[in-house]
Amino acid sequence: MPVSQDLVFAEWKEREATAEAMIPVIGRLYRDRNIETSVYGRLVVKRSVIDILKAHRFVRQMESQELTVLDTFPILEALESLDVSGAHIDIGKLAVKFRNEGNGRTINEFLESELAPVIGAEERQGTDVVLYGFGRIGRLLARLLIERTGGGQSLRLRAIVVRKGKAANDLEKRASLLRRDSVHGSFKGTIQVDEERNLLIANGNEIQVIFSDGPDQVDYTQYGINDAIVLDNTGIWRDKEGLELHLKSKGVARVLLTAPGKGVKNIVMGVNHHDFDENDRVLSAASCTTNAITPVLKAVNDAFGIENGHVETVHAYTNDQNLIDNYHKGDRRGRAAGLNMVLTETGAAKAVSKALPVMEGKLTGNAIRVPTPNVSMAILNLNLEKEVTKESLNEYLRDAALHSSMQKQIDYSNSPEAVSTDFVGSRAAGIVDALATIATGKRCVLYVWYDNEFGYSCQVIRMAQKMANVTLPAFPKATK
């Protein structure tokens, strides 16, 4: 017998009411205990009722079972009753695991076992962060840092350093660019401008705006900033010598470049972050494309071996290109970005080996810049050491996205209608488009989407957390 419309609507209202009840619990856990909550990798901190319901609905694409707020709310309530702090907890995965592996235990007994390492844990101290530059990546980093302030136990955005603009209302213009973004939408919160003290106040965070012409010309300690991590997103200084200029400024402890670096370690979180040493003071977060493809390449190589391959990047245009035809030092990049597909070079294929040495000399690469403002795609054409089928390869990559140590880097899509704008705001380094996968014998072609702005910025933040030793341990633990 068909389910009546009234019954369907009643079920919806029940789930809606449950999601409404979840929001204050999620907020308290975040503000008071530095606990980030998610549902299958989708953050639910500071999200609306509909956002929370959609995060649960997404699970049906990844698992062979449904998940609703009626399953996860008891997990949240139990969390609040436990002495847990300083963790990233995926309540969706825990709910499914409890359903499948509870073995007669109560939710509290199950969680006490799963979360044992962070029960009774001491709170961590926050680390000061300075954004050197405030362009596309800089403003997204600011949004992420402000969003993730929590109770102040993680990274705290204390200052933004820029060159003085020509406009009299320089500070207001920069605040406006942070408030509104043509690609990523409006800032989630409030921003005030304090012209007298040169401050931006975003969601209660006082952010000092400092005007300077060089990385070695700022005394951060006069603003109460000490042992800070500088995130250099200007793209001007890319070698060790140039980046070390930041260390001459008082109050700076470490520097992280948001571009490929020369003479410094290039780190792709999830792949070679273990190469970071406490003595490293200058590091690079590599490029957006390198971050997108290296985790997927590592996963494939670990299971099937990669003999060689070619990477073709279909990349959104960037600020480096011209809006209309004009002189440019680079070949082809002088042609109008909004009108042309522009064939150009990419160093990403070669750069992979800096994070994944086993790939040295195995990859070639090119790039095509296309007339879209954000979200790119990497096409990985690979020759493997073992035979593989489309089904087995996709299942392996789906499992990597859900349960491996690279679950924050690799995401997975099996939607037949997915297009580039669907991935705006993705926090993953790269998203495997499973329906596009081609696999025959020892050859495969993988299509990997990536938000070359936001997804990359999330990788930079993960690296900064690693440098500051404030990375939240994730639960449930990765199984691979």
Protein backbone atom coordinates (compact mmCIF):
# COMPACT_ATOMS: atom_id res chain seq x y z
CA MET A 1 0.00 0.00 0.00
CA PRO A 2 1.44 3.44 -0.90
CA VAL A 3 2.57 5.61 2.00
CA SER A 4 0.20 8.52 2.49
CA GLN A 5 1.34 12.07 1.88
CA ASP A 6 0.52 12.98 5.48
CA LEU A 7 2.79 10.21 6.80
CA VAL A 8 5.70 11.26 4.59
CA PHE A 9 5.32 14.87 5.71
CA ALA A 10 5.07 13.81 9.36
CA GLU A 11 8.35 11.91 9.03
CA TRP A 12 9.97 14.96 7.47
CA LYS A 13 8.78 17.21 10.31
CA GLU A 14 10.15 14.74 12.87
CA ARG A 15 13.57 14.76 11.20
CA GLU A 16 13.48 18.53 10.87
CA ALA A 17 12.70 18.90 14.57
CA THR A 18 15.51 16.48 15.45
CA ALA A 19 17.99 18.46 13.32
CA GLU A 20 16.87 21.64 15.11
CA ALA A 21 17.58 19.96 18.44
CA MET A 22 21.02 18.88 17.23
CA ILE A 23 22.24 22.40 16.42
CA PRO A 24 22.73 23.68 20.01
CA VAL A 25 24.45 20.43 21.01
CA ILE A 26 26.82 20.67 18.03
CA GLY A 27 27.51 24.30 18.97
CA ARG A 28 28.26 23.56 22.62
CA LEU A 29 30.59 20.71 21.76
CA TYR A 30 32.46 22.97 19.35
CA ARG A 31 32.74 26.12 21.48
CA ASP A 32 33.25 24.53 24.88
CA ARG A 33 35.23 21.39 24.05
CA ASN A 34 36.83 22.01 20.64
CA ILE A 35 34.95 19.07 19.10
CA GLU A 36 34.24 19.28 15.37
CA THR A 37 31.39 17.07 14.22
CA SER A 38 30.73 15.81 10.71
CA VAL A 39 28.60 13.31 8.80
CA TYR A 40 30.65 11.25 6.37
CA GLY A 41 33.17 14.06 6.03
CA ARG A 42 30.56 16.83 5.71
CA LEU A 43 31.01 19.31 8.56
CA VAL A 44 27.82 20.04 10.48
CA VAL A 45 29.31 22.73 12.72
CA LYS A 46 27.58 26.10 12.13
CA ARG A 47 25.23 24.57 9.59
CA SER A 48 21.50 25.04 9.04
CA VAL A 49 18.77 22.45 9.57
CA ILE A 50 18.61 21.77 5.83
CA ASP A 51 22.40 21.49 5.59
CA ILE A 52 22.37 18.84 8.34
CA LEU A 53 19.56 16.89 6.69
CA LYS A 54 21.33 17.01 3.31
CA ALA A 55 24.57 15.77 4.87
CA HIS A 56 22.70 12.70 6.14
CA ARG A 57 20.98 12.17 2.79
CA PHE A 58 24.39 12.13 1.08
CA VAL A 59 25.29 8.93 2.94
CA ARG A 60 23.06 6.84 0.69
CA GLN A 61 25.51 7.54 -2.18
CA MET A 62 28.43 6.15 -0.19
CA GLU A 63 26.90 3.26 1.73
CA SER A 64 24.31 0.59 0.97
CA GLN A 65 22.11 1.91 3.77
CA GLU A 66 20.24 5.06 4.74
CA LEU A 67 21.24 7.30 7.64
CA THR A 68 19.04 9.90 9.31
CA VAL A 69 19.29 12.37 12.15
CA LEU A 70 17.32 9.88 14.24
CA ASP A 71 20.44 7.68 14.09
CA THR A 72 23.01 10.38 14.85
CA PHE A 73 21.24 12.48 17.49
CA PRO A 74 21.67 9.77 20.17
CA ILE A 75 25.41 9.77 19.34
CA LEU A 76 25.53 13.54 19.92
CA GLU A 77 23.64 13.31 23.21
CA ALA A 78 25.98 10.59 24.44
CA LEU A 79 29.02 12.66 23.40
CA GLU A 80 27.85 15.54 25.54
CA SER A 81 27.62 13.25 28.56
CA LEU A 82 31.23 12.04 28.16
CA ASP A 83 34.43 13.83 29.21
CA VAL A 84 35.65 14.22 25.63
CA SER A 85 37.47 17.21 24.12
CA GLY A 86 39.76 18.15 21.25
CA ALA A 87 38.62 15.81 18.47
CA HIS A 88 37.04 15.60 15.03
CA ILE A 89 34.17 13.15 15.39
CA ASP A 90 32.21 11.81 12.44
CA ILE A 91 28.85 11.09 14.04
CA GLY A 92 27.57 9.56 10.80
CA LYS A 93 30.29 6.94 10.57
CA LEU A 94 30.00 6.23 14.29
CA ALA A 95 26.25 5.75 13.98
CA VAL A 96 26.70 3.25 11.14
CA LYS A 97 29.48 1.49 13.01
CA PHE A 98 27.34 1.27 16.14
CA ARG A 99 24.48 -0.13 14.05
CA ASN A 100 26.76 -2.79 12.55
CA GLU A 101 29.17 -3.49 15.43
CA GLY A 102 27.38 -2.43 18.62
CA ASN A 103 27.10 -6.05 19.75
CA GLY A 104 24.56 -5.31 22.47
CA ARG A 105 26.52 -2.43 24.03
CA THR A 106 24.90 0.85 24.99
CA ILE A 107 25.83 3.92 22.97
CA ASN A 108 27.88 5.23 25.89
CA GLU A 109 29.78 1.95 26.21
CA PHE A 110 30.43 1.93 22.46
CA LEU A 111 31.67 5.54 22.44
CA GLU A 112 33.86 5.04 25.51
CA SER A 113 35.67 2.32 23.55
CA GLU A 114 35.86 4.25 20.26
CA LEU A 115 36.94 7.58 21.81
CA ALA A 116 39.21 6.28 24.56
CA PRO A 117 42.27 8.35 23.44
CA VAL A 118 40.45 11.69 23.91
CA ILE A 119 38.42 10.93 27.04
CA GLY A 120 39.82 13.15 29.77
CA ALA A 121 42.27 14.79 27.35
CA GLU A 122 43.81 18.16 28.25
CA GLU A 123 42.88 21.26 26.25
CA ARG A 124 45.44 22.56 23.76
CA GLN A 125 46.76 26.10 23.41
CA GLY A 126 45.97 28.08 20.27
CA THR A 127 48.57 29.27 17.74
CA ASP A 128 48.74 32.73 16.18
CA VAL A 129 48.45 32.90 12.38
CA VAL A 130 49.37 35.74 10.03
CA LEU A 131 48.13 35.94 6.45
CA TYR A 132 50.80 37.58 4.30
CA GLY A 133 48.73 38.59 1.28
CA PHE A 134 44.98 38.80 0.87
CA GLY A 135 44.11 37.61 -2.64
CA ARG A 136 41.92 34.71 -3.75
CA ILE A 137 43.60 32.12 -1.53
CA GLY A 138 44.28 34.55 1.30
CA ARG A 139 40.62 35.48 1.69
CA LEU A 140 39.50 31.84 1.62
CA LEU A 141 42.13 31.01 4.23
CA ALA A 142 40.71 33.85 6.32
CA ARG A 143 37.20 32.41 6.02
CA LEU A 144 38.40 28.96 7.05
CA LEU A 145 40.44 30.26 9.98
CA ILE A 146 37.54 32.36 11.26
CA GLU A 147 35.12 29.46 10.81
CA ARG A 148 37.41 27.09 12.72
CA THR A 149 38.26 29.38 15.65
CA GLY A 150 36.02 27.37 17.98
CA GLY A 151 36.98 28.00 21.57
CA GLY A 152 40.39 29.38 20.53
CA GLN A 153 42.30 26.12 21.00
CA SER A 154 43.41 25.79 17.38
CA LEU A 155 44.64 28.33 14.81
CA ARG A 156 43.81 31.99 15.52
CA LEU A 157 43.96 34.52 12.71
CA ARG A 158 45.64 37.52 14.29
CA ALA A 159 46.80 39.66 11.37
CA ILE A 160 46.68 40.27 7.63
CA VAL A 161 49.67 41.92 5.94
CA VAL A 162 49.19 43.77 2.66
CA ARG A 163 50.68 46.65 0.71
CA LYS A 164 48.84 49.94 1.16
CA GLY A 165 46.34 50.42 -1.65
CA LYS A 166 45.71 53.67 -3.47
CA ALA A 167 42.11 54.01 -2.31
CA ALA A 168 41.38 56.15 0.73
CA ASN A 169 38.96 53.51 2.02
CA ASP A 170 41.49 50.67 1.66
CA LEU A 171 40.34 48.81 4.78
CA GLU A 172 36.66 48.93 3.81
CA LYS A 173 37.45 47.63 0.33
CA ARG A 174 39.33 44.65 1.74
CA ALA A 175 36.50 43.97 4.18
CA SER A 176 34.05 44.07 1.28
CA LEU A 177 36.06 41.48 -0.66
CA LEU A 178 35.96 39.23 2.40
CA ARG A 179 32.20 39.73 2.80
CA ARG A 180 31.27 38.94 -0.80
CA ASP A 181 32.67 36.46 -3.27
CA SER A 182 31.34 35.89 -6.79
CA VAL A 183 32.27 32.19 -6.65
CA HIS A 184 32.00 31.17 -3.01
CA GLY A 185 29.12 33.36 -1.90
CA SER A 186 28.77 35.65 1.07
CA PHE A 187 30.77 35.38 4.28
CA LYS A 188 28.93 33.39 6.94
CA GLY A 189 28.89 35.90 9.73
CA THR A 190 29.49 39.57 10.45
CA ILE A 191 32.44 41.81 9.64
CA GLN A 192 33.07 45.20 11.24
CA VAL A 193 35.74 47.70 10.26
CA ASP A 194 37.63 49.66 12.92
CA GLU A 195 39.44 52.33 10.91
CA GLU A 196 41.02 53.95 13.97
CA ARG A 197 42.79 50.75 15.10
CA ASN A 198 43.17 49.26 11.60
CA LEU A 199 41.13 46.19 12.54
CA LEU A 200 38.70 43.85 10.87
CA ILE A 201 36.41 42.23 13.43
CA ALA A 202 34.98 39.04 11.95
CA ASN A 203 32.66 36.90 14.09
CA GLY A 204 34.29 38.33 17.20
CA ASN A 205 37.87 37.81 15.93
CA GLU A 206 39.96 40.99 16.01
CA ILE A 207 42.25 40.84 12.98
CA GLN A 208 44.98 43.45 12.71
CA VAL A 209 45.56 44.79 9.20
CA ILE A 210 49.23 45.69 8.76
CA PHE A 211 50.58 47.60 5.78
CA SER A 212 54.12 46.61 4.80
CA ASP A 213 56.36 46.51 1.73
CA GLY A 214 58.45 43.49 2.75
CA PRO A 215 58.27 40.26 4.79
CA ASP A 216 61.20 41.28 7.01
CA GLN A 217 59.81 44.69 7.97
CA VAL A 218 57.11 43.86 10.52
CA ASP A 219 57.36 43.64 14.30
CA TYR A 220 54.41 41.40 15.11
CA THR A 221 55.13 41.40 18.83
CA GLN A 222 53.93 45.01 19.09
CA TYR A 223 50.48 43.64 18.23
CA GLY A 224 50.73 40.86 20.84
CA ILE A 225 51.51 38.24 18.19
CA ASN A 226 54.14 35.65 19.13
CA ASP A 227 55.48 32.40 17.66
CA ALA A 228 53.17 32.86 14.70
CA ILE A 229 52.83 30.82 11.53
CA VAL A 230 52.93 33.07 8.47
CA LEU A 231 50.88 31.84 5.51
CA ASP A 232 52.52 33.55 2.53
CA ASN A 233 49.92 33.60 -0.23
CA THR A 234 51.40 36.41 -2.33
CA GLY A 235 53.27 34.12 -4.74
CA ILE A 236 56.15 36.62 -4.81
CA TRP A 237 58.70 34.79 -2.66
CA ARG A 238 58.90 31.13 -3.66
CA ASP A 239 62.40 30.03 -2.73
CA LYS A 240 63.99 29.30 0.64
CA GLU A 241 66.02 32.51 0.71
CA GLY A 242 63.04 34.74 -0.01
CA LEU A 243 60.70 32.96 2.39
CA GLU A 244 63.25 33.08 5.21
CA LEU A 245 62.93 36.88 5.15
CA HIS A 246 59.74 36.38 7.18
CA LEU A 247 61.79 34.85 9.99
CA LYS A 248 63.62 38.15 10.43
CA SER A 249 60.39 39.77 11.62
CA LYS A 250 59.82 39.55 15.37
CA GLY A 251 57.08 37.17 16.43
CA VAL A 252 57.38 34.69 13.51
CA ALA A 253 58.12 31.03 14.21
CA ARG A 254 57.34 29.33 10.88
CA VAL A 255 56.40 30.09 7.29
CA LEU A 256 54.11 28.14 4.94
CA LEU A 257 54.00 29.01 1.23
CA THR A 258 50.72 28.49 -0.62
CA ALA A 259 52.45 27.59 -3.89
CA PRO A 260 55.19 25.20 -5.04
CA GLY A 261 58.47 26.12 -3.35
CA LYS A 262 62.12 25.80 -4.35
CA GLY A 263 64.70 24.59 -1.85
CA VAL A 264 62.04 23.71 0.75
CA LYS A 265 59.93 20.64 1.44
CA ASN A 266 56.75 20.52 -0.64
CA ILE A 267 54.10 18.87 1.53
CA VAL A 268 50.84 17.29 0.37
CA MET A 269 48.75 16.54 3.42
CA GLY A 270 47.70 12.90 3.57
CA VAL A 271 50.72 11.80 1.52
CA ASN A 272 54.06 13.07 2.86
CA HIS A 273 53.07 15.17 5.88
CA HIS A 274 55.21 12.83 7.97
CA ASP A 275 58.23 14.45 6.29
CA PHE A 276 57.59 17.56 8.38
CA ASP A 277 60.21 17.88 11.10
CA GLU A 278 60.00 20.07 14.19
CA ASN A 279 63.15 21.81 12.98
CA ASP A 280 61.53 22.83 9.66
CA ARG A 281 60.77 26.52 9.73
CA VAL A 282 59.89 27.09 6.07
CA LEU A 283 57.61 24.76 4.08
CA SER A 284 55.52 24.73 0.92
CA ALA A 285 51.98 23.37 0.53
CA ALA A 286 52.69 22.62 -3.17
CA SER A 287 50.08 23.51 -5.82
CA CYS A 288 46.34 22.92 -6.01
CA THR A 289 46.77 20.38 -8.83
CA THR A 290 49.56 18.52 -7.04
CA ASN A 291 47.32 18.27 -3.97
CA ALA A 292 44.41 17.04 -6.07
CA ILE A 293 46.21 14.24 -7.91
CA THR A 294 48.90 12.99 -5.53
CA PRO A 295 46.57 11.33 -2.96
CA VAL A 296 44.69 9.51 -5.75
CA LEU A 297 47.96 8.47 -7.40
CA LYS A 298 49.28 7.18 -4.08
CA ALA A 299 46.11 5.17 -3.48
CA VAL A 300 46.24 3.63 -6.96
CA ASN A 301 49.96 2.92 -6.77
CA ASP A 302 49.65 1.28 -3.35
CA ALA A 303 47.10 -1.22 -4.65
CA PHE A 304 47.86 -1.70 -8.34
CA GLY A 305 51.27 -0.16 -9.05
CA ILE A 306 51.75 2.59 -11.64
CA GLU A 307 54.26 2.05 -14.45
CA ASN A 308 53.77 5.44 -16.10
CA GLY A 309 51.09 7.85 -17.17
CA HIS A 310 49.98 11.26 -18.40
CA VAL A 311 48.12 13.95 -16.46
CA GLU A 312 45.96 16.41 -18.39
CA THR A 313 44.58 19.24 -16.30
CA VAL A 314 41.46 21.10 -17.36
CA HIS A 315 41.95 24.14 -15.16
CA ALA A 316 39.81 27.18 -14.39
CA TYR A 317 41.39 30.45 -15.47
CA THR A 318 43.35 32.36 -12.84
CA ASN A 319 44.35 35.92 -12.07
CA ASP A 320 47.67 35.28 -13.82
CA GLN A 321 45.89 35.37 -17.19
CA ASN A 322 44.60 38.41 -19.07
CA LEU A 323 40.94 39.35 -19.12
CA ILE A 324 41.32 40.51 -22.74
CA ASP A 325 44.14 39.97 -25.24
CA ASN A 326 47.24 41.77 -24.02
CA TYR A 327 50.96 41.28 -23.50
CA HIS A 328 51.96 38.41 -21.20
CA LYS A 329 55.42 36.98 -20.65
CA GLY A 330 54.03 33.43 -20.84
CA ASP A 331 53.07 31.72 -24.09
CA ARG A 332 49.33 31.86 -24.89
CA ARG A 333 48.39 33.24 -21.45
CA GLY A 334 48.06 36.72 -22.91
CA ARG A 335 44.90 35.71 -24.77
CA ALA A 336 41.49 36.51 -23.27
CA ALA A 337 40.85 34.06 -20.41
CA GLY A 338 37.08 34.35 -20.56
CA LEU A 339 36.86 33.54 -24.26
CA ASN A 340 39.47 30.86 -24.92
CA MET A 341 40.65 27.43 -23.99
CA VAL A 342 44.36 28.06 -23.45
CA LEU A 343 46.87 25.25 -23.79
CA THR A 344 49.72 25.77 -21.33
CA GLU A 345 52.25 23.94 -19.24
CA THR A 346 51.89 22.55 -15.72
CA GLY A 347 54.60 21.49 -13.33
CA ALA A 348 52.18 19.38 -11.31
CA ALA A 349 53.06 16.05 -12.98
CA LYS A 350 56.74 16.44 -12.13
CA ALA A 351 55.98 17.96 -8.73
CA VAL A 352 54.14 14.80 -7.66
CA SER A 353 57.47 13.08 -7.09
CA LYS A 354 58.43 15.68 -4.44
CA ALA A 355 55.65 14.30 -2.25
CA LEU A 356 55.60 10.78 -3.70
CA PRO A 357 59.17 9.84 -4.75
CA VAL A 358 58.06 6.48 -6.20
CA MET A 359 56.50 8.47 -9.08
CA GLU A 360 59.80 10.07 -10.12
CA GLY A 361 60.03 10.16 -13.93
CA LYS A 362 56.75 8.29 -14.44
CA LEU A 363 54.38 11.13 -15.35
CA THR A 364 54.06 13.71 -18.11
CA GLY A 365 51.58 16.55 -18.01
CA ASN A 366 49.92 19.51 -19.70
CA ALA A 367 47.15 21.91 -18.81
CA ILE A 368 44.25 23.53 -20.60
CA ARG A 369 42.94 26.73 -19.03
CA VAL A 370 39.20 27.04 -19.67
CA PRO A 371 36.67 29.90 -19.31
CA THR A 372 35.34 29.01 -15.86
CA PRO A 373 36.34 30.90 -12.68
CA ASN A 374 36.76 27.92 -10.35
CA VAL A 375 36.78 24.10 -10.11
CA SER A 376 39.17 22.14 -12.27
CA MET A 377 39.61 18.55 -13.39
CA ALA A 378 42.64 16.30 -13.68
CA ILE A 379 42.50 13.40 -16.12
CA LEU A 380 44.88 10.62 -15.05
CA ASN A 381 45.74 8.26 -17.92
CA LEU A 382 47.71 5.47 -16.21
CA ASN A 383 49.42 2.22 -17.15
CA LEU A 384 49.30 -0.16 -14.20
CA GLU A 385 51.32 -3.15 -13.06
CA LYS A 386 48.20 -5.20 -12.30
CA GLU A 387 44.99 -5.76 -14.20
CA VAL A 388 41.94 -3.95 -12.92
CA THR A 389 38.26 -3.50 -13.73
CA LYS A 390 36.18 -0.35 -13.48
CA GLU A 391 34.15 -1.91 -10.67
CA SER A 392 37.12 -3.05 -8.58
CA LEU A 393 38.98 0.25 -9.05
CA ASN A 394 35.96 2.35 -8.12
CA GLU A 395 35.18 0.20 -5.09
CA TYR A 396 38.77 0.55 -3.92
CA LEU A 397 38.73 4.35 -4.34
CA ARG A 398 35.33 4.61 -2.63
CA ASP A 399 36.76 2.72 0.33
CA ALA A 400 39.81 5.00 0.34
CA ALA A 401 37.51 8.04 0.44
CA LEU A 402 35.56 6.60 3.37
CA HIS A 403 38.02 4.74 5.55
CA SER A 404 41.66 5.32 4.59
CA SER A 405 44.18 7.69 6.13
CA MET A 406 43.55 9.94 3.08
CA GLN A 407 39.79 10.25 3.64
CA LYS A 408 40.11 14.04 4.06
CA GLN A 409 41.98 14.30 0.78
CA ILE A 410 40.02 11.92 -1.48
CA ASP A 411 36.29 12.24 -2.06
CA TYR A 412 34.07 10.17 -4.32
CA SER A 413 31.13 10.99 -6.58
CA ASN A 414 28.80 8.64 -8.40
CA SER A 415 26.23 11.18 -9.57
CA PRO A 416 25.31 10.93 -13.27
CA GLU A 417 24.50 14.66 -13.34
CA ALA A 418 27.60 16.08 -11.62
CA VAL A 419 29.21 19.12 -13.27
CA SER A 420 31.95 21.49 -12.16
CA THR A 421 29.83 23.94 -10.14
CA ASP A 422 28.62 21.06 -7.96
CA PHE A 423 32.09 20.91 -6.44
CA VAL A 424 32.43 24.57 -5.48
CA GLY A 425 33.21 24.55 -1.76
CA SER A 426 34.43 20.96 -1.65
CA ARG A 427 36.89 20.50 1.21
CA ALA A 428 38.57 17.49 -0.38
CA ALA A 429 41.81 17.84 -2.30
CA GLY A 430 40.25 15.85 -5.17
CA ILE A 431 36.99 14.07 -5.97
CA VAL A 432 36.99 10.89 -8.07
CA ASP A 433 34.17 10.88 -10.64
CA ALA A 434 33.37 7.17 -10.49
CA LEU A 435 30.98 7.07 -13.44
CA ALA A 436 33.66 8.46 -15.75
CA THR A 437 36.29 5.85 -14.77
CA ILE A 438 37.68 3.77 -17.63
CA ALA A 439 39.57 0.55 -16.86
CA THR A 440 40.70 -2.15 -19.26
CA GLY A 441 43.38 -4.68 -18.43
CA LYS A 442 46.37 -2.81 -17.06
CA ARG A 443 45.23 0.61 -18.23
CA CYS A 444 42.89 3.07 -16.55
CA VAL A 445 41.68 6.64 -16.94
CA LEU A 446 40.52 8.49 -13.83
CA TYR A 447 38.70 11.83 -13.75
CA VAL A 448 39.37 13.86 -10.61
CA TRP A 449 37.47 17.09 -9.88
CA TYR A 450 38.90 19.67 -7.49
CA ASP A 451 37.98 23.08 -6.18
CA ASN A 452 41.33 24.63 -7.01
CA GLU A 453 40.64 27.50 -4.58
CA PHE A 454 38.68 26.18 -1.60
CA GLY A 455 39.79 22.54 -1.58
CA TYR A 456 43.40 23.66 -1.82
CA SER A 457 42.89 26.20 0.98
CA CYS A 458 41.58 23.38 3.19
CA GLN A 459 44.80 21.46 2.52
CA VAL A 460 46.83 24.54 3.52
CA ILE A 461 44.89 24.81 6.79
CA ARG A 462 45.50 21.11 7.48
CA MET A 463 49.21 21.69 6.97
CA ALA A 464 49.19 24.73 9.27
CA GLN A 465 47.46 22.65 11.94
CA LYS A 466 50.16 20.01 11.56
CA MET A 467 52.88 22.65 11.94
CA ALA A 468 51.20 24.04 15.05
CA ASN A 469 50.55 20.55 16.48
CA VAL A 470 46.84 21.30 16.82
CA THR A 471 45.48 18.73 14.37
CA LEU A 472 42.39 17.20 15.90
CA PRO A 473 42.50 13.39 16.09
CA ALA A 474 39.72 11.95 13.90
CA PHE A 475 37.19 9.33 14.97
CA PRO A 476 36.35 6.67 14.06
CA LYS A 477 39.95 5.82 13.33
CA ALA A 478 40.95 5.12 9.74
CA THR A 479 41.05 1.38 9.06
CA LYS A 480 43.64 1.52 6.26
